[in-house]
Amino acid sequence: MSRAFADICFTDSVRAAQNRYGSRDGNLGLETAADPRAELGETEQAFVAERDGFYQASVGETGWPYVQFRGGRPGFLKVLDPRTLAYADVRGNRQYISVGNLDADGRVALILMDYAARRRLKIWGVARIVELGAADWPAALPAETGVERAIVIDVKAYDWNCPKHITPRFTEAQIQQRVAGLLAEIEGLQAENRRLRETLAARDRN
């Protein structure tokens, strides 16, 4: 058995590159691993549920890849089951490049980032489009104003990347959480300074 992503990605040309740059032996273990990582485990499902955005790559009929960012409230990318993801696709610039690509070729690759913790999850899958109002609309997805369709992804493989080259970045909420203690301390020091000034001023008046 091998890792499912290796079955997808380790083509002859990739193996040739691994040989050329000396990493072939190190990657052989991925082709003999006991766990294929074709279904999202509890760790992966929790990670997906916490994300407020991800990058989605599709391929057009010209053979060119197209990468688009999808964002929303944390958890907008739903885990329907260990092998199925879905999200509500909202109206954007109306170029419909991703939608058109998926109509022709459903294969997608997703990259989900946690910049603060320097974690990156890669997911390969086959996507299909479910139009708003269709009988098979996923019950977990909203059908609110602005939503045009659902994208349902059949997960084929996943893999975690090493954190080595991930630059930590923080959301406004994460920064506020980290500096809350400092702000409280500053507020306390400012209040103490006001009291000291008032005490000194009262002494001067006397």
Protein backbone atom coordinates (compact mmCIF):
# COMPACT_ATOMS: atom_id res chain seq x y z
CA MET A 1 0.00 0.00 0.00
CA SER A 2 1.13 3.58 -0.55
CA ARG A 3 0.07 7.05 0.41
CA ALA A 4 -2.78 8.07 -1.87
CA PHE A 5 -1.15 11.41 -2.66
CA ALA A 6 2.00 9.58 -3.83
CA ASP A 7 -0.13 7.51 -6.20
CA ILE A 8 -1.49 10.78 -7.61
CA CYS A 9 1.67 12.88 -7.64
CA PHE A 10 4.67 10.57 -7.99
CA THR A 11 4.65 10.34 -11.77
CA ASP A 12 7.62 9.05 -13.75
CA SER A 13 8.93 12.59 -14.18
CA VAL A 14 8.58 13.27 -10.44
CA ARG A 15 10.46 10.08 -9.57
CA ALA A 16 13.14 11.09 -12.08
CA ALA A 17 13.47 14.48 -10.36
CA GLN A 18 13.73 12.75 -6.97
CA ASN A 19 16.53 10.58 -8.33
CA ARG A 20 18.28 13.58 -9.87
CA TYR A 21 18.24 15.59 -6.64
CA GLY A 22 18.93 12.72 -4.27
CA SER A 23 15.60 12.39 -2.45
CA ARG A 24 14.28 9.21 -4.05
CA ASP A 25 15.27 6.93 -1.18
CA GLY A 26 13.69 9.28 1.35
CA ASN A 27 10.40 9.25 -0.55
CA LEU A 28 10.17 5.49 -1.01
CA GLY A 29 8.53 5.15 2.39
CA LEU A 30 5.56 7.12 1.12
CA GLU A 31 5.01 4.42 -1.49
CA THR A 32 5.03 1.61 1.09
CA ALA A 33 3.18 3.32 3.97
CA ALA A 34 0.50 1.37 5.83
CA ASP A 35 -1.89 4.35 6.04
CA PRO A 36 -2.97 5.59 2.60
CA ARG A 37 -4.32 8.85 4.06
CA ALA A 38 -7.27 8.78 1.71
CA GLU A 39 -9.83 9.65 4.41
CA LEU A 40 -9.70 12.68 6.70
CA GLY A 41 -9.05 11.69 10.30
CA GLU A 42 -10.22 13.54 13.39
CA THR A 43 -7.16 15.82 13.37
CA GLU A 44 -7.69 16.76 9.73
CA GLN A 45 -11.44 17.28 10.17
CA ALA A 46 -10.87 19.59 13.13
CA PHE A 47 -8.26 21.54 11.17
CA VAL A 48 -10.64 22.00 8.24
CA ALA A 49 -13.45 23.14 10.55
CA GLU A 50 -11.26 25.91 12.04
CA ARG A 51 -10.17 27.46 8.75
CA ASP A 52 -11.56 30.75 7.42
CA GLY A 53 -10.03 30.32 3.97
CA PHE A 54 -8.16 28.03 1.62
CA TYR A 55 -6.53 27.99 -1.82
CA GLN A 56 -8.11 25.91 -4.57
CA ALA A 57 -6.32 24.84 -7.75
CA SER A 58 -8.18 23.65 -10.81
CA VAL A 59 -7.07 22.96 -14.39
CA GLY A 60 -8.54 24.54 -17.52
CA GLU A 61 -9.05 22.96 -20.93
CA THR A 62 -5.89 24.74 -22.12
CA GLY A 63 -3.91 22.74 -19.55
CA TRP A 64 -3.10 25.82 -17.49
CA PRO A 65 -3.66 25.63 -13.71
CA TYR A 66 -5.77 28.24 -11.95
CA VAL A 67 -5.53 28.99 -8.23
CA GLN A 68 -8.23 30.90 -6.39
CA PHE A 69 -8.66 31.85 -2.74
CA ARG A 70 -11.91 30.97 -1.04
CA GLY A 71 -12.75 32.66 2.26
CA GLY A 72 -15.58 32.89 4.75
CA ARG A 73 -16.44 32.45 8.39
CA PRO A 74 -14.46 29.70 10.16
CA GLY A 75 -16.04 26.39 9.27
CA PHE A 76 -17.54 27.49 5.95
CA LEU A 77 -15.70 24.55 4.37
CA LYS A 78 -17.80 21.69 5.72
CA VAL A 79 -16.72 18.13 6.41
CA LEU A 80 -19.75 16.08 5.38
CA ASP A 81 -17.94 12.82 6.13
CA PRO A 82 -14.31 11.63 6.16
CA ARG A 83 -14.24 11.53 2.36
CA THR A 84 -16.45 14.49 1.45
CA LEU A 85 -16.03 18.26 1.76
CA ALA A 86 -18.41 20.97 0.59
CA TYR A 87 -18.72 24.73 0.56
CA ALA A 88 -21.26 27.27 -0.61
CA ASP A 89 -19.88 29.14 -3.61
CA VAL A 90 -20.85 32.82 -3.41
CA ARG A 91 -21.04 35.40 -6.16
CA GLY A 92 -17.68 36.98 -7.01
CA ASN A 93 -16.33 38.80 -10.07
CA ARG A 94 -18.49 36.62 -12.33
CA GLN A 95 -15.62 35.35 -14.48
CA TYR A 96 -16.50 31.77 -13.44
CA ILE A 97 -13.05 30.42 -14.24
CA SER A 98 -13.05 27.85 -11.44
CA VAL A 99 -16.64 26.86 -12.20
CA GLY A 100 -15.88 26.40 -15.88
CA ASN A 101 -12.74 24.41 -15.09
CA LEU A 102 -14.67 22.12 -12.76
CA ASP A 103 -17.33 21.54 -15.42
CA ALA A 104 -14.61 20.22 -17.72
CA ASP A 105 -12.34 18.51 -15.17
CA GLY A 106 -13.36 18.09 -11.54
CA ARG A 107 -9.87 17.44 -10.19
CA VAL A 108 -8.82 19.97 -7.56
CA ALA A 109 -6.06 20.49 -5.04
CA LEU A 110 -6.66 22.46 -1.85
CA ILE A 111 -4.13 24.05 0.46
CA LEU A 112 -5.36 24.97 3.93
CA MET A 113 -3.10 27.18 6.04
CA ASP A 114 -2.68 27.91 9.72
CA TYR A 115 0.00 30.58 9.48
CA ALA A 116 0.14 31.24 13.22
CA ALA A 117 0.90 27.60 14.05
CA ARG A 118 2.87 27.07 10.80
CA ARG A 119 0.69 24.16 9.66
CA ARG A 120 -0.36 23.34 6.10
CA LEU A 121 -2.78 20.65 4.95
CA LYS A 122 -2.94 19.61 1.29
CA ILE A 123 -6.04 17.84 -0.03
CA TRP A 124 -6.60 16.28 -3.45
CA GLY A 125 -10.11 15.55 -4.64
CA VAL A 126 -12.69 15.49 -7.40
CA ALA A 127 -15.24 18.28 -7.26
CA ARG A 128 -18.75 18.46 -8.62
CA ILE A 129 -21.12 21.41 -8.83
CA VAL A 130 -24.55 21.32 -7.21
CA GLU A 131 -26.80 24.15 -8.34
CA LEU A 132 -28.81 26.13 -5.81
CA GLY A 133 -32.20 24.52 -5.26
CA ALA A 134 -31.13 21.10 -6.52
CA ALA A 135 -32.51 18.04 -4.73
CA ASP A 136 -29.02 16.94 -3.70
CA TRP A 137 -28.11 20.31 -2.12
CA PRO A 138 -26.02 19.50 1.02
CA ALA A 139 -28.13 20.17 4.10
CA ALA A 140 -25.07 21.46 6.00
CA LEU A 141 -24.63 24.39 3.61
CA PRO A 142 -26.48 27.72 3.74
CA ALA A 143 -28.70 28.77 0.86
CA GLU A 144 -28.56 32.46 1.75
CA THR A 145 -28.40 35.56 -0.43
CA GLY A 146 -25.31 35.60 -2.62
CA VAL A 147 -24.84 31.83 -2.68
CA GLU A 148 -24.99 30.56 -6.26
CA ARG A 149 -23.99 26.90 -6.02
CA ALA A 150 -22.34 24.27 -3.85
CA ILE A 151 -18.99 22.70 -4.56
CA VAL A 152 -18.87 19.13 -3.25
CA ILE A 153 -15.44 17.50 -3.16
CA ASP A 154 -14.79 13.77 -3.06
CA VAL A 155 -11.51 13.53 -1.13
CA LYS A 156 -8.92 11.27 -2.73
CA ALA A 157 -5.80 12.03 -0.67
CA TYR A 158 -4.27 14.39 1.87
CA ASP A 159 -0.84 15.21 3.22
CA TRP A 160 0.69 17.55 5.79
CA ASN A 161 3.61 19.78 4.83
CA CYS A 162 6.59 20.52 7.04
CA PRO A 163 6.55 23.99 8.66
CA LYS A 164 10.09 24.91 7.65
CA HIS A 165 9.31 27.71 5.19
CA ILE A 166 5.95 28.89 6.54
CA THR A 167 6.21 32.49 7.76
CA PRO A 168 4.02 32.98 10.86
CA ARG A 169 1.16 35.44 10.31
CA PHE A 170 -1.64 36.35 12.66
CA THR A 171 -5.23 37.47 12.22
CA GLU A 172 -6.54 40.57 13.96
CA ALA A 173 -8.42 38.36 16.45
CA GLN A 174 -5.29 36.32 17.22
CA ILE A 175 -3.26 39.50 17.79
CA GLN A 176 -5.94 40.93 20.07
CA GLN A 177 -5.93 37.73 22.10
CA ARG A 178 -2.14 37.74 22.44
CA VAL A 179 -1.88 41.41 23.47
CA ALA A 180 -4.94 41.47 25.75
CA GLY A 181 -2.78 40.94 28.84
CA LEU A 182 -0.38 43.69 27.85
CA LEU A 183 -3.21 46.12 27.17
CA ALA A 184 -4.72 45.36 30.57
CA GLU A 185 -1.33 45.93 32.21
CA ILE A 186 -0.87 49.23 30.37
CA GLU A 187 -4.34 50.36 31.41
CA GLY A 188 -3.50 49.53 35.03
CA LEU A 189 -0.22 51.47 34.87
CA GLN A 190 -1.98 54.46 33.31
CA ALA A 191 -4.58 54.42 36.09
CA GLU A 192 -1.80 54.24 38.70
CA ASN A 193 -0.01 57.18 37.07
CA ARG A 194 -3.22 59.22 37.20
CA ARG A 195 -3.61 58.48 40.90
CA LEU A 196 0.02 59.44 41.60
CA ARG A 197 -0.35 62.72 39.69
CA GLU A 198 -3.52 63.51 41.59
CA THR A 199 -1.76 62.77 44.91
CA LEU A 200 1.21 65.00 44.01
CA ALA A 201 -1.11 67.78 42.86
CA ALA A 202 -3.01 67.59 46.15
CA ARG A 203 0.25 67.84 48.12
CA ASP A 204 1.32 70.89 46.11
CA ARG A 205 -1.97 72.61 46.86
CA ASN A 206 -1.45 72.02 50.56
